[in-house]
Amino acid sequence: MANRFRAGLGLPPGDSAIATVARPDAAERLAAAGVRASVRKGAARLAFHLYTTEADVDTAVAALA
């Protein structure tokens, strides 16, 4: 799911279930879409788990597009 998220934002694939996005107001945009993310060093940090669905990922991508 993390790689689906990365691909949706045009980022290279990774090998972690955690993805960070260093975009202005990313955390606020995600929160407005109902997506929970933490902030580390100014970047939104999202952790994808077994219960994360494709629809969840698509919602996060749409919030940041």
C-alpha atoms as a PDB file:
ATOM      1  CA  MET A   1       0.000   0.000   0.000  1.00  0.00           C
ATOM      2  CA  ALA A   2       2.860   2.372   0.714  1.00  0.00           C
ATOM      3  CA  ASN A   3       4.162   1.879  -2.814  1.00  0.00           C
ATOM      4  CA  ARG A   4       0.668   2.495  -4.222  1.00  0.00           C
ATOM      5  CA  PHE A   5       0.688   5.764  -2.269  1.00  0.00           C
ATOM      6  CA  ARG A   6       4.162   6.674  -3.509  1.00  0.00           C
ATOM      7  CA  ALA A   7       3.237   5.862  -7.116  1.00  0.00           C
ATOM      8  CA  GLY A   8       0.092   7.976  -6.838  1.00  0.00           C
ATOM      9  CA  LEU A   9       2.250  10.959  -5.917  1.00  0.00           C
ATOM     10  CA  GLY A  10       4.915  10.256  -8.523  1.00  0.00           C
ATOM     11  CA  LEU A  11       7.471   9.156  -5.928  1.00  0.00           C
ATOM     12  CA  PRO A  12       9.870   6.237  -6.398  1.00  0.00           C
ATOM     13  CA  PRO A  13       8.972   2.906  -4.773  1.00  0.00           C
ATOM     14  CA  GLY A  14      10.412   2.055  -1.397  1.00  0.00           C
ATOM     15  CA  ASP A  15      10.851  -0.948   0.855  1.00  0.00           C
ATOM     16  CA  SER A  16       9.050   0.385   3.919  1.00  0.00           C
ATOM     17  CA  ALA A  17       5.411   0.521   4.982  1.00  0.00           C
ATOM     18  CA  ILE A  18       6.083   4.094   6.100  1.00  0.00           C
ATOM     19  CA  ALA A  19       6.003   6.969   3.637  1.00  0.00           C
ATOM     20  CA  THR A  20       6.776  10.638   4.199  1.00  0.00           C
ATOM     21  CA  VAL A  21       5.646  13.620   2.186  1.00  0.00           C
ATOM     22  CA  ALA A  22       7.420  16.954   2.532  1.00  0.00           C
ATOM     23  CA  ARG A  23       4.811  19.165   0.910  1.00  0.00           C
ATOM     24  CA  PRO A  24       3.481  22.417   2.327  1.00  0.00           C
ATOM     25  CA  ASP A  25       0.260  21.854   4.290  1.00  0.00           C
ATOM     26  CA  ALA A  26       0.325  18.079   3.638  1.00  0.00           C
ATOM     27  CA  ALA A  27      -0.699  17.236   7.203  1.00  0.00           C
ATOM     28  CA  GLU A  28      -3.587  19.699   7.125  1.00  0.00           C
ATOM     29  CA  ARG A  29      -4.818  18.456   3.753  1.00  0.00           C
ATOM     30  CA  LEU A  30      -4.687  14.845   4.931  1.00  0.00           C
ATOM     31  CA  ALA A  31      -6.518  15.701   8.160  1.00  0.00           C
ATOM     32  CA  ALA A  32      -9.249  17.497   6.189  1.00  0.00           C
ATOM     33  CA  ALA A  33      -9.726  14.290   4.170  1.00  0.00           C
ATOM     34  CA  GLY A  34      -9.966  12.199   7.341  1.00  0.00           C
ATOM     35  CA  VAL A  35      -6.508  10.670   6.969  1.00  0.00           C
ATOM     36  CA  ARG A  36      -4.425  10.419  10.127  1.00  0.00           C
ATOM     37  CA  ALA A  37      -0.752  11.242   9.733  1.00  0.00           C
ATOM     38  CA  SER A  38       1.954  12.420  12.070  1.00  0.00           C
ATOM     39  CA  VAL A  39       4.471  15.145  11.366  1.00  0.00           C
ATOM     40  CA  ARG A  40       8.204  14.583  11.631  1.00  0.00           C
ATOM     41  CA  LYS A  41      10.644  17.372  10.771  1.00  0.00           C
ATOM     42  CA  GLY A  42       7.967  19.197   8.783  1.00  0.00           C
ATOM     43  CA  ALA A  43       6.973  16.170   6.679  1.00  0.00           C
ATOM     44  CA  ALA A  44       3.729  14.215   6.908  1.00  0.00           C
ATOM     45  CA  ARG A  45       4.429  10.605   7.909  1.00  0.00           C
ATOM     46  CA  LEU A  46       1.965   7.878   6.967  1.00  0.00           C
ATOM     47  CA  ALA A  47       2.212   4.277   8.145  1.00  0.00           C
ATOM     48  CA  PHE A  48       0.391   1.634   6.110  1.00  0.00           C
ATOM     49  CA  HIS A  49      -0.782  -1.600   7.755  1.00  0.00           C
ATOM     50  CA  LEU A  50      -2.524  -4.832   6.843  1.00  0.00           C
ATOM     51  CA  TYR A  51      -5.916  -3.238   7.393  1.00  0.00           C
ATOM     52  CA  THR A  52      -5.209  -0.270   5.099  1.00  0.00           C
ATOM     53  CA  THR A  53      -7.342  -0.544   1.963  1.00  0.00           C
ATOM     54  CA  GLU A  54      -6.752   0.671  -1.568  1.00  0.00           C
ATOM     55  CA  ALA A  55      -9.578   3.140  -1.004  1.00  0.00           C
ATOM     56  CA  ASP A  56      -7.714   4.525   2.034  1.00  0.00           C
ATOM     57  CA  VAL A  57      -4.612   5.022  -0.076  1.00  0.00           C
ATOM     58  CA  ASP A  58      -6.578   6.626  -2.893  1.00  0.00           C
ATOM     59  CA  THR A  59      -8.128   9.054  -0.390  1.00  0.00           C
ATOM     60  CA  ALA A  60      -4.685  10.075   0.863  1.00  0.00           C
ATOM     61  CA  VAL A  61      -3.382  10.528  -2.675  1.00  0.00           C
ATOM     62  CA  ALA A  62      -6.393  12.595  -3.687  1.00  0.00           C
ATOM     63  CA  ALA A  63      -5.919  14.829  -0.636  1.00  0.00           C
ATOM     64  CA  LEU A  64      -2.391  15.623  -1.744  1.00  0.00           C
ATOM     65  CA  ALA A  65      -2.936  15.840  -5.506  1.00  0.00           C
END
